[in-house]
Amino acid sequence: KLFRNEARTNNDYTQKAADSLLNYETVNYFNAHQHERVRFLSALQEYKKANILVTVSLGVINCVHSLVIS
């Protein structure tokens, strides 16, 4: 479940980043810089949270595995 959540948030983050860059002229035309900034940063924050959870869980799994082996 953690890996799926990380993959989902990663896809959401990269989609919003690409969308912001590809639609730069539209964002300028409608003066929506603040909206795009908030949208991008919230997606980035969610991805960071999911990435940290996956990293911590893999660290715990590796430590437990090392204990079992030794």
N, C-alpha and C. Protein backbone atom coordinates (compact mmCIF):
# COMPACT_ATOMS: atom_id res chain seq x y z
N LYS A 1 0.83 -1.19 0.00
CA LYS A 1 0.00 0.00 0.00
C LYS A 1 0.88 1.26 0.00
N LEU A 2 1.97 1.25 0.76
CA LEU A 2 2.85 2.41 0.81
C LEU A 2 3.46 2.70 -0.55
N PHE A 3 3.86 1.64 -1.25
CA PHE A 3 4.50 1.83 -2.55
C PHE A 3 3.50 2.36 -3.59
N ARG A 4 2.26 1.88 -3.50
CA ARG A 4 1.23 2.37 -4.42
C ARG A 4 0.93 3.84 -4.17
N ASN A 5 0.88 4.21 -2.88
CA ASN A 5 0.63 5.60 -2.52
C ASN A 5 1.77 6.49 -3.00
N GLU A 6 3.01 6.03 -2.84
CA GLU A 6 4.15 6.81 -3.31
C GLU A 6 4.10 6.96 -4.83
N ALA A 7 3.78 5.88 -5.52
CA ALA A 7 3.71 5.94 -6.99
C ALA A 7 2.59 6.89 -7.43
N ARG A 8 1.45 6.85 -6.74
CA ARG A 8 0.34 7.73 -7.08
C ARG A 8 0.72 9.19 -6.86
N THR A 9 1.34 9.48 -5.71
CA THR A 9 1.72 10.87 -5.43
C THR A 9 2.84 11.33 -6.37
N ASN A 10 3.73 10.42 -6.73
CA ASN A 10 4.79 10.77 -7.70
C ASN A 10 4.18 11.12 -9.05
N ASN A 11 3.23 10.32 -9.49
CA ASN A 11 2.57 10.60 -10.77
C ASN A 11 1.82 11.93 -10.72
N ASP A 12 1.15 12.18 -9.60
CA ASP A 12 0.42 13.44 -9.45
C ASP A 12 1.37 14.63 -9.47
N TYR A 13 2.47 14.51 -8.76
CA TYR A 13 3.47 15.58 -8.70
C TYR A 13 4.08 15.85 -10.07
N THR A 14 4.51 14.82 -10.76
CA THR A 14 5.14 15.02 -12.08
C THR A 14 4.13 15.52 -13.11
N GLN A 15 2.88 15.08 -13.00
CA GLN A 15 1.84 15.56 -13.92
C GLN A 15 1.61 17.05 -13.73
N LYS A 16 1.55 17.49 -12.48
CA LYS A 16 1.31 18.91 -12.21
C LYS A 16 2.52 19.74 -12.61
N ALA A 17 3.72 19.22 -12.42
CA ALA A 17 4.92 19.94 -12.83
C ALA A 17 4.95 20.10 -14.35
N ALA A 18 4.68 19.03 -15.06
CA ALA A 18 4.68 19.10 -16.52
C ALA A 18 3.56 19.99 -17.03
N ASP A 19 2.40 19.89 -16.40
CA ASP A 19 1.26 20.71 -16.79
C ASP A 19 1.57 22.19 -16.60
N SER A 20 2.20 22.53 -15.49
CA SER A 20 2.55 23.93 -15.22
C SER A 20 3.54 24.45 -16.26
N LEU A 21 4.51 23.62 -16.60
CA LEU A 21 5.53 24.07 -17.56
C LEU A 21 5.00 24.14 -18.98
N LEU A 22 4.17 23.18 -19.36
CA LEU A 22 3.64 23.17 -20.72
C LEU A 22 2.62 24.28 -20.95
N ASN A 23 1.92 24.64 -19.90
CA ASN A 23 0.88 25.67 -20.02
C ASN A 23 1.35 27.00 -19.44
N TYR A 24 2.63 27.28 -19.56
CA TYR A 24 3.21 28.50 -19.00
C TYR A 24 2.55 29.76 -19.55
N GLU A 25 2.31 29.79 -20.84
CA GLU A 25 1.70 30.98 -21.45
C GLU A 25 0.26 31.17 -20.98
N THR A 26 -0.46 30.08 -20.82
CA THR A 26 -1.84 30.18 -20.32
C THR A 26 -1.85 30.69 -18.89
N VAL A 27 -0.92 30.18 -18.06
CA VAL A 27 -0.82 30.65 -16.68
C VAL A 27 -0.51 32.14 -16.66
N ASN A 28 0.38 32.58 -17.51
CA ASN A 28 0.71 34.01 -17.60
C ASN A 28 -0.50 34.82 -18.05
N TYR A 29 -1.20 34.33 -19.04
CA TYR A 29 -2.34 35.06 -19.60
C TYR A 29 -3.42 35.29 -18.55
N PHE A 30 -3.72 34.26 -17.75
CA PHE A 30 -4.75 34.37 -16.73
C PHE A 30 -4.21 34.82 -15.38
N ASN A 31 -2.91 35.13 -15.32
CA ASN A 31 -2.28 35.60 -14.09
C ASN A 31 -2.56 34.63 -12.93
N ALA A 32 -2.31 33.35 -13.18
CA ALA A 32 -2.62 32.30 -12.21
C ALA A 32 -1.36 31.73 -11.57
N HIS A 33 -0.35 32.54 -11.41
CA HIS A 33 0.92 32.06 -10.85
C HIS A 33 0.74 31.51 -9.45
N GLN A 34 0.01 32.25 -8.62
CA GLN A 34 -0.17 31.82 -7.22
C GLN A 34 -0.94 30.51 -7.15
N HIS A 35 -1.96 30.37 -7.98
CA HIS A 35 -2.75 29.13 -8.00
C HIS A 35 -1.88 27.93 -8.39
N GLU A 36 -1.10 28.09 -9.43
CA GLU A 36 -0.22 27.01 -9.89
C GLU A 36 0.86 26.70 -8.85
N ARG A 37 1.35 27.73 -8.19
CA ARG A 37 2.38 27.53 -7.16
C ARG A 37 1.83 26.69 -6.00
N VAL A 38 0.64 27.06 -5.54
CA VAL A 38 0.02 26.31 -4.44
C VAL A 38 -0.28 24.89 -4.86
N ARG A 39 -0.78 24.72 -6.06
CA ARG A 39 -1.10 23.39 -6.59
C ARG A 39 0.15 22.51 -6.69
N PHE A 40 1.22 23.08 -7.21
CA PHE A 40 2.47 22.35 -7.36
C PHE A 40 3.09 22.01 -6.01
N LEU A 41 3.15 22.98 -5.10
CA LEU A 41 3.77 22.75 -3.80
C LEU A 41 2.99 21.76 -2.95
N SER A 42 1.68 21.75 -3.05
CA SER A 42 0.90 20.76 -2.29
C SER A 42 1.16 19.36 -2.82
N ALA A 43 1.25 19.22 -4.14
CA ALA A 43 1.56 17.90 -4.72
C ALA A 43 2.96 17.46 -4.33
N LEU A 44 3.90 18.40 -4.31
CA LEU A 44 5.27 18.09 -3.91
C LEU A 44 5.33 17.66 -2.44
N GLN A 45 4.58 18.34 -1.58
CA GLN A 45 4.55 18.01 -0.16
C GLN A 45 3.99 16.60 0.06
N GLU A 46 2.92 16.25 -0.64
CA GLU A 46 2.34 14.91 -0.51
C GLU A 46 3.33 13.84 -0.98
N TYR A 47 4.05 14.12 -2.06
CA TYR A 47 5.05 13.18 -2.54
C TYR A 47 6.18 13.01 -1.53
N LYS A 48 6.61 14.10 -0.93
CA LYS A 48 7.68 14.02 0.08
C LYS A 48 7.25 13.16 1.25
N LYS A 49 6.02 13.35 1.72
CA LYS A 49 5.51 12.54 2.84
C LYS A 49 5.51 11.05 2.48
N ALA A 50 4.99 10.74 1.31
CA ALA A 50 4.92 9.34 0.88
C ALA A 50 6.32 8.75 0.71
N ASN A 51 7.24 9.54 0.18
CA ASN A 51 8.61 9.07 -0.03
C ASN A 51 9.30 8.80 1.31
N ILE A 52 9.09 9.65 2.28
CA ILE A 52 9.69 9.45 3.61
C ILE A 52 9.13 8.19 4.25
N LEU A 53 7.82 7.97 4.15
CA LEU A 53 7.23 6.75 4.72
C LEU A 53 7.81 5.49 4.09
N VAL A 54 7.99 5.49 2.79
CA VAL A 54 8.55 4.33 2.11
C VAL A 54 10.00 4.12 2.52
N THR A 55 10.76 5.20 2.61
CA THR A 55 12.17 5.10 2.99
C THR A 55 12.32 4.56 4.41
N VAL A 56 11.50 5.06 5.33
CA VAL A 56 11.56 4.59 6.72
C VAL A 56 11.14 3.13 6.80
N SER A 57 10.10 2.76 6.08
CA SER A 57 9.65 1.36 6.15
C SER A 57 10.70 0.42 5.56
N LEU A 58 11.38 0.83 4.50
CA LEU A 58 12.44 -0.01 3.94
C LEU A 58 13.62 -0.11 4.90
N GLY A 59 13.93 0.97 5.60
CA GLY A 59 14.99 0.94 6.60
C GLY A 59 14.67 -0.02 7.73
N VAL A 60 13.43 0.02 8.20
CA VAL A 60 13.00 -0.89 9.26
C VAL A 60 13.06 -2.33 8.79
N ILE A 61 12.59 -2.58 7.59
CA ILE A 61 12.62 -3.94 7.04
C ILE A 61 14.06 -4.44 6.93
N ASN A 62 14.96 -3.59 6.47
CA ASN A 62 16.37 -3.99 6.34
C ASN A 62 17.00 -4.27 7.70
N CYS A 63 16.67 -3.46 8.71
CA CYS A 63 17.23 -3.69 10.05
C CYS A 63 16.71 -5.00 10.63
N VAL A 64 15.42 -5.24 10.50
CA VAL A 64 14.85 -6.50 10.99
C VAL A 64 15.45 -7.68 10.26
N HIS A 65 15.61 -7.55 8.97
CA HIS A 65 16.21 -8.63 8.17
C HIS A 65 17.63 -8.91 8.63
N SER A 66 18.40 -7.86 8.91
CA SER A 66 19.77 -8.04 9.40
C SER A 66 19.79 -8.72 10.75
N LEU A 67 18.87 -8.36 11.63
CA LEU A 67 18.79 -9.00 12.94
C LEU A 67 18.45 -10.48 12.83
N VAL A 68 17.52 -10.80 11.94
CA VAL A 68 17.12 -12.19 11.76
C VAL A 68 18.28 -13.01 11.19
N ILE A 69 19.01 -12.46 10.26
CA ILE A 69 20.13 -13.15 9.64
C ILE A 69 21.24 -13.39 10.66
N SER A 70 21.51 -12.38 11.48
CA SER A 70 22.61 -12.53 12.46
C SER A 70 22.11 -13.29 13.66
